[in-house]
Amino acid sequence: MRVLVAGCGYLGLPIALELARQGHEVVGLRRTPAADSLPADTPSIAWMTTDLTQPDGTLPEGRFDAVIFALGGTCSAVLEGTRRLLAHFAAEPPTRYLHLGCTEVYGQTDGSVVKENHPTDPLTELGRAHVEAERLVLAAIRNRFPAVLLRVARIYGPGREHDLAKFIRNEVRLAGQGHRNLNLIHLDDAVGGALAALKSGRPGEIYNLVDQEPVTEIHFFTWLAESLGKYVPPFAPPGEPGAKASIANARISNRRLAMELGHRLKYPTFRQGMTAELKRLTEAGQLDIPREER
């Protein structure tokens, strides 16, 4: 299978590498060269350096069996990248097209259970860009474009230790009473879920890629504090950025991911995933926790 991965960043790169390991012919698009930053045993990938937010950003020619859109980070990357990729493949669509968005499209603030058919009313500019990008994909689907949409939750795992580092440095402040829900997915499961959606997702459908257990901030950091022998972070006083009440708060359901795609998570909850991360960091000598007086 010939596969294009547009956006080989934190999530797109391991997806591209896993497809290459499986023997597929992979073309990877990046804004910056990739070869110098990858290990010597990296599977063979044909790299293209291009910026899809620019009108002169080049795209590979020829027929692709599958295309994965994995650009993110900025509104322009999400929107312009989506427009460019859809336009490029409009005349000769791939057999499968996977659009990786994010759960930031949901703007619910009441802690309710949210499924794929719930309204998207995001509270952030990036979330609004993702909604507009989804609309472009859905419009293409109505013209028989074979796209599947995946809304990816907040990813943690190797290379994403900044939240843990902030906790260890005692820089975390809990918003409100700590009742906001966190919707998480380990990097390994994000990659596995994306590949499952590429293989078995039905064109025109939307799937939430999130683990099985939304967790409130207070419960997440209480577990982390008990695991590392630290105190639970304090609450943010009124007026601090972390204290604002208008932040999204929902419990995002992954039922369709499990039922329709049959994807079995390696780390069903944050406890399994964070335990694996703490073990990995400890064994690498990278988990330095200052002693706190009790």
Protein backbone atom coordinates (compact mmCIF):
# COMPACT_ATOMS: atom_id res chain seq x y z
CA MET A 1 0.00 0.00 0.00
CA ARG A 2 1.30 3.46 -0.91
CA VAL A 3 0.56 5.89 1.93
CA LEU A 4 1.01 9.64 2.31
CA VAL A 5 1.32 11.00 5.85
CA ALA A 6 0.91 14.78 5.72
CA GLY A 7 2.33 16.17 8.94
CA CYS A 8 4.95 13.89 10.49
CA GLY A 9 5.00 15.50 13.91
CA TYR A 10 4.37 14.04 17.36
CA LEU A 11 1.54 11.76 16.19
CA GLY A 12 2.07 11.63 12.43
CA LEU A 13 5.69 10.47 12.66
CA PRO A 14 5.09 7.30 14.73
CA ILE A 15 2.12 6.48 12.48
CA ALA A 16 4.37 6.80 9.42
CA LEU A 17 7.09 4.70 11.07
CA GLU A 18 4.67 1.94 12.03
CA LEU A 19 3.24 1.80 8.51
CA ALA A 20 6.77 1.56 7.12
CA ARG A 21 7.60 -1.23 9.58
CA GLN A 22 4.56 -3.11 8.29
CA GLY A 23 6.04 -2.98 4.80
CA HIS A 24 4.00 -0.18 3.25
CA GLU A 25 5.51 2.42 0.92
CA VAL A 26 5.31 5.62 2.95
CA VAL A 27 5.77 9.23 1.85
CA GLY A 28 6.12 11.64 4.76
CA LEU A 29 5.55 15.40 4.57
CA ARG A 30 7.25 17.72 7.04
CA ARG A 31 7.92 21.45 7.21
CA THR A 32 11.47 20.72 8.36
CA PRO A 33 13.90 18.00 7.24
CA ALA A 34 13.49 14.76 9.18
CA ALA A 35 16.47 12.56 8.36
CA ASP A 36 19.02 14.16 10.71
CA SER A 37 16.76 13.87 13.76
CA LEU A 38 15.79 10.21 13.38
CA PRO A 39 17.62 7.10 14.65
CA ALA A 40 19.79 5.15 12.23
CA ASP A 41 17.45 2.12 12.36
CA THR A 42 14.41 4.15 11.25
CA PRO A 43 12.33 2.30 8.63
CA SER A 44 12.63 3.60 5.08
CA ILE A 45 10.35 6.58 4.38
CA ALA A 46 10.42 8.90 1.37
CA TRP A 47 10.61 12.36 2.92
CA MET A 48 9.31 15.59 1.38
CA THR A 49 9.94 18.96 2.99
CA THR A 50 7.04 21.28 2.29
CA ASP A 51 4.79 23.83 3.99
CA LEU A 52 1.14 23.29 3.11
CA THR A 53 0.19 26.69 4.51
CA GLN A 54 2.04 28.27 1.59
CA PRO A 55 0.54 28.30 -1.93
CA ASP A 56 3.81 27.08 -3.43
CA GLY A 57 4.14 24.15 -1.01
CA THR A 58 4.59 21.09 -3.20
CA LEU A 59 2.68 17.83 -2.87
CA PRO A 60 3.70 14.40 -4.19
CA GLU A 61 2.23 13.21 -7.45
CA GLY A 62 0.89 9.79 -8.34
CA ARG A 63 -1.72 7.46 -6.95
CA PHE A 64 -1.96 6.84 -3.19
CA ASP A 65 -3.90 4.02 -1.59
CA ALA A 66 -4.19 5.95 1.66
CA VAL A 67 -3.68 9.53 2.81
CA ILE A 68 -3.44 10.64 6.44
CA PHE A 69 -3.85 14.28 7.40
CA ALA A 70 -1.96 14.82 10.67
CA LEU A 71 -1.17 18.54 10.66
CA GLY A 72 -1.89 20.55 13.79
CA GLY A 73 -0.50 23.07 16.21
CA THR A 74 -1.69 26.23 14.46
CA CYS A 75 -4.94 27.37 12.91
CA SER A 76 -3.30 27.99 9.54
CA ALA A 77 -1.74 24.51 9.47
CA VAL A 78 -5.09 22.90 10.23
CA LEU A 79 -7.18 24.96 7.81
CA GLU A 80 -4.82 25.61 4.91
CA GLY A 81 -3.36 22.13 5.13
CA THR A 82 -6.85 20.62 4.93
CA ARG A 83 -7.79 22.80 1.95
CA ARG A 84 -4.59 22.03 0.06
CA LEU A 85 -4.75 18.29 0.63
CA LEU A 86 -8.43 17.94 -0.28
CA ALA A 87 -7.97 20.01 -3.43
CA HIS A 88 -4.91 18.03 -4.46
CA PHE A 89 -6.71 14.68 -4.21
CA ALA A 90 -10.15 15.79 -5.41
CA ALA A 91 -9.61 14.52 -8.97
CA GLU A 92 -7.99 11.23 -7.97
CA PRO A 93 -9.02 10.33 -4.41
CA PRO A 94 -7.16 7.65 -2.48
CA THR A 95 -8.99 4.50 -1.43
CA ARG A 96 -8.82 5.70 2.17
CA TYR A 97 -8.39 9.19 3.63
CA LEU A 98 -7.97 9.75 7.37
CA HIS A 99 -8.36 13.23 8.86
CA LEU A 100 -6.84 13.54 12.34
CA GLY A 101 -8.55 16.32 14.25
CA CYS A 102 -8.93 16.84 17.98
CA THR A 103 -11.50 16.71 20.77
CA GLU A 104 -11.00 20.44 21.29
CA VAL A 105 -13.95 20.83 18.90
CA TYR A 106 -16.22 20.10 21.87
CA GLY A 107 -17.03 23.09 24.05
CA GLN A 108 -19.28 21.57 26.70
CA THR A 109 -18.59 22.95 30.20
CA ASP A 110 -21.03 20.93 32.33
CA GLY A 111 -19.12 17.65 32.62
CA SER A 112 -21.65 15.80 30.47
CA VAL A 113 -20.96 12.66 28.44
CA VAL A 114 -20.15 13.69 24.86
CA LYS A 115 -20.45 11.46 21.80
CA GLU A 116 -19.55 12.09 18.18
CA ASN A 117 -23.02 13.39 17.33
CA HIS A 118 -23.01 16.07 20.03
CA PRO A 119 -22.73 19.75 19.02
CA THR A 120 -19.29 21.20 18.34
CA ASP A 121 -19.02 24.66 19.86
CA PRO A 122 -15.35 25.06 20.80
CA LEU A 123 -14.07 27.66 23.25
CA THR A 124 -10.67 28.15 21.62
CA GLU A 125 -9.49 29.58 18.32
CA LEU A 126 -7.68 26.33 17.49
CA GLY A 127 -10.82 24.35 18.24
CA ARG A 128 -12.79 26.57 15.87
CA ALA A 129 -10.17 25.99 13.16
CA HIS A 130 -10.57 22.24 13.62
CA VAL A 131 -14.35 22.56 13.29
CA GLU A 132 -13.97 24.51 10.05
CA ALA A 133 -11.49 21.92 8.75
CA GLU A 134 -13.99 19.16 9.58
CA ARG A 135 -16.65 21.02 7.60
CA LEU A 136 -14.36 21.03 4.58
CA VAL A 137 -13.84 17.28 4.91
CA LEU A 138 -17.56 16.63 5.39
CA ALA A 139 -18.32 18.68 2.28
CA ALA A 140 -15.85 16.53 0.34
CA ILE A 141 -17.51 13.40 1.75
CA ARG A 142 -20.84 14.55 0.33
CA ASN A 143 -19.09 14.47 -3.06
CA ARG A 144 -18.17 10.81 -2.43
CA PHE A 145 -14.68 11.50 -1.06
CA PRO A 146 -13.70 8.46 1.10
CA ALA A 147 -12.75 10.29 4.29
CA VAL A 148 -12.92 9.20 7.94
CA LEU A 149 -12.61 11.76 10.75
CA LEU A 150 -10.83 11.00 14.00
CA ARG A 151 -11.05 13.37 16.98
CA VAL A 152 -7.93 12.77 19.06
CA ALA A 153 -7.88 13.54 22.79
CA ARG A 154 -4.95 15.05 24.68
CA ILE A 155 -1.94 12.81 24.04
CA TYR A 156 0.64 11.89 26.67
CA GLY A 157 3.64 9.62 26.46
CA PRO A 158 7.31 9.74 25.44
CA GLY A 159 8.27 13.29 24.52
CA ARG A 160 5.25 14.78 26.29
CA GLU A 161 6.55 15.03 29.84
CA HIS A 162 6.02 18.79 30.30
CA ASP A 163 2.84 18.41 32.42
CA LEU A 164 4.58 15.88 34.65
CA ALA A 165 7.61 18.18 34.92
CA LYS A 166 5.36 21.08 35.96
CA PHE A 167 3.81 18.89 38.64
CA ILE A 168 7.22 17.85 39.97
CA ARG A 169 8.29 21.54 40.06
CA ASN A 170 5.11 22.37 42.03
CA GLU A 171 3.84 24.65 39.26
CA VAL A 172 0.42 23.03 38.80
CA ARG A 173 -2.68 24.88 40.05
CA LEU A 174 -6.09 23.23 39.95
CA ALA A 175 -8.91 25.18 38.30
CA GLY A 176 -12.04 25.78 40.37
CA GLN A 177 -12.50 22.80 42.67
CA GLY A 178 -10.55 20.48 40.40
CA HIS A 179 -13.72 18.98 38.91
CA ARG A 180 -12.84 19.62 35.26
CA ASN A 181 -12.54 16.37 33.33
CA LEU A 182 -9.35 15.44 31.48
CA ASN A 183 -9.77 13.32 28.35
CA LEU A 184 -6.50 11.56 27.58
CA ILE A 185 -4.91 9.02 25.25
CA HIS A 186 -1.45 7.46 25.41
CA LEU A 187 0.70 7.94 22.31
CA ASP A 188 0.81 4.18 21.65
CA ASP A 189 -2.99 4.03 21.68
CA ALA A 190 -3.30 7.15 19.53
CA VAL A 191 -1.13 5.46 16.88
CA GLY A 192 -3.01 2.17 17.18
CA GLY A 193 -6.39 3.90 17.01
CA ALA A 194 -5.40 5.88 13.93
CA LEU A 195 -4.29 2.70 12.15
CA ALA A 196 -7.52 0.96 13.15
CA ALA A 197 -9.55 3.86 11.74
CA LEU A 198 -7.48 3.82 8.55
CA LYS A 199 -8.17 0.11 8.12
CA SER A 200 -11.75 -0.26 9.32
CA GLY A 201 -13.30 3.20 9.63
CA ARG A 202 -16.39 3.79 7.52
CA PRO A 203 -16.16 6.73 5.09
CA GLY A 204 -18.18 9.66 6.35
CA GLU A 205 -17.99 8.62 9.99
CA ILE A 206 -16.46 10.38 12.99
CA TYR A 207 -14.71 8.57 15.85
CA ASN A 208 -13.45 9.87 19.20
CA LEU A 209 -9.95 8.60 19.99
CA VAL A 210 -9.78 8.77 23.77
CA ASP A 211 -9.22 6.29 26.57
CA GLN A 212 -12.01 4.61 28.55
CA GLU A 213 -11.97 6.76 31.66
CA PRO A 214 -12.27 10.56 31.71
CA VAL A 215 -10.76 11.72 34.99
CA THR A 216 -11.17 14.93 36.97
CA GLU A 217 -8.09 17.02 37.60
CA ILE A 218 -8.33 16.49 41.35
CA HIS A 219 -8.44 12.70 40.97
CA PHE A 220 -5.66 12.67 38.37
CA PHE A 221 -3.26 14.72 40.47
CA THR A 222 -4.23 12.95 43.70
CA TRP A 223 -3.25 9.65 42.08
CA LEU A 224 -0.03 11.18 40.74
CA ALA A 225 0.81 12.71 44.12
CA GLU A 226 0.30 9.39 45.89
CA SER A 227 2.38 7.58 43.26
CA LEU A 228 5.31 9.99 43.59
CA GLY A 229 5.13 10.86 47.27
CA LYS A 230 4.19 14.50 46.69
CA TYR A 231 1.43 16.82 47.81
CA VAL A 232 -1.70 17.38 45.73
CA PRO A 233 -1.40 20.71 43.86
CA PRO A 234 -3.20 23.69 45.39
CA PHE A 235 -6.24 25.35 43.87
CA ALA A 236 -5.69 28.42 41.72
CA PRO A 237 -6.87 31.59 43.47
CA PRO A 238 -9.51 33.70 41.67
CA GLY A 239 -7.96 35.81 38.95
CA GLU A 240 -5.18 33.40 37.99
CA PRO A 241 -5.33 32.00 34.42
CA GLY A 242 -5.92 28.49 35.71
CA ALA A 243 -8.91 29.59 37.75
CA LYS A 244 -11.17 30.60 34.84
CA ALA A 245 -14.45 28.72 34.78
CA SER A 246 -15.14 28.94 31.03
CA ILE A 247 -12.88 26.04 30.11
CA ALA A 248 -14.21 22.94 28.41
CA ASN A 249 -15.36 20.18 30.72
CA ALA A 250 -16.80 17.03 29.19
CA ARG A 251 -16.52 13.26 29.50
CA ILE A 252 -15.79 12.18 25.95
CA SER A 253 -17.00 8.71 24.98
CA ASN A 254 -14.87 6.23 23.00
CA ARG A 255 -17.68 3.70 22.58
CA ARG A 256 -17.72 3.87 18.78
CA LEU A 257 -13.96 3.34 18.65
CA ALA A 258 -14.31 0.11 20.58
CA MET A 259 -17.57 -1.17 19.10
CA GLU A 260 -17.17 -0.28 15.41
CA LEU A 261 -13.41 -0.44 14.96
CA GLY A 262 -12.77 -3.18 17.50
CA HIS A 263 -9.73 -1.29 18.75
CA ARG A 264 -8.40 -2.64 22.06
CA LEU A 265 -6.46 -0.06 24.04
CA LYS A 266 -3.05 -0.93 25.41
CA TYR A 267 -3.64 1.57 28.24
CA PRO A 268 -7.43 1.75 28.88
CA THR A 269 -7.07 4.37 31.64
CA PHE A 270 -4.55 7.00 32.67
CA ARG A 271 -3.43 4.78 35.56
CA GLN A 272 -2.01 2.08 33.27
CA GLY A 273 -0.54 4.64 30.88
CA MET A 274 1.01 6.89 33.51
CA THR A 275 2.36 3.89 35.43
CA ALA A 276 4.16 2.78 32.26
CA GLU A 277 5.51 6.31 31.75
CA LEU A 278 6.75 6.63 35.33
CA LYS A 279 8.45 3.24 35.03
CA ARG A 280 10.07 4.23 31.73
CA LEU A 281 11.37 7.53 33.11
CA THR A 282 12.62 5.86 36.30
CA GLU A 283 14.53 3.19 34.40
CA ALA A 284 16.08 5.90 32.20
CA GLY A 285 17.16 7.88 35.26
CA GLN A 286 15.01 10.83 34.19
CA LEU A 287 12.60 11.00 37.11
CA ASP A 288 14.18 13.28 39.70
CA ILE A 289 11.69 14.06 42.47
CA PRO A 290 12.87 16.40 45.26
CA ARG A 291 11.93 15.17 48.73
CA GLU A 292 9.03 17.02 50.32
CA GLU A 293 8.89 17.39 54.09
CA ARG A 294 5.78 15.86 55.60
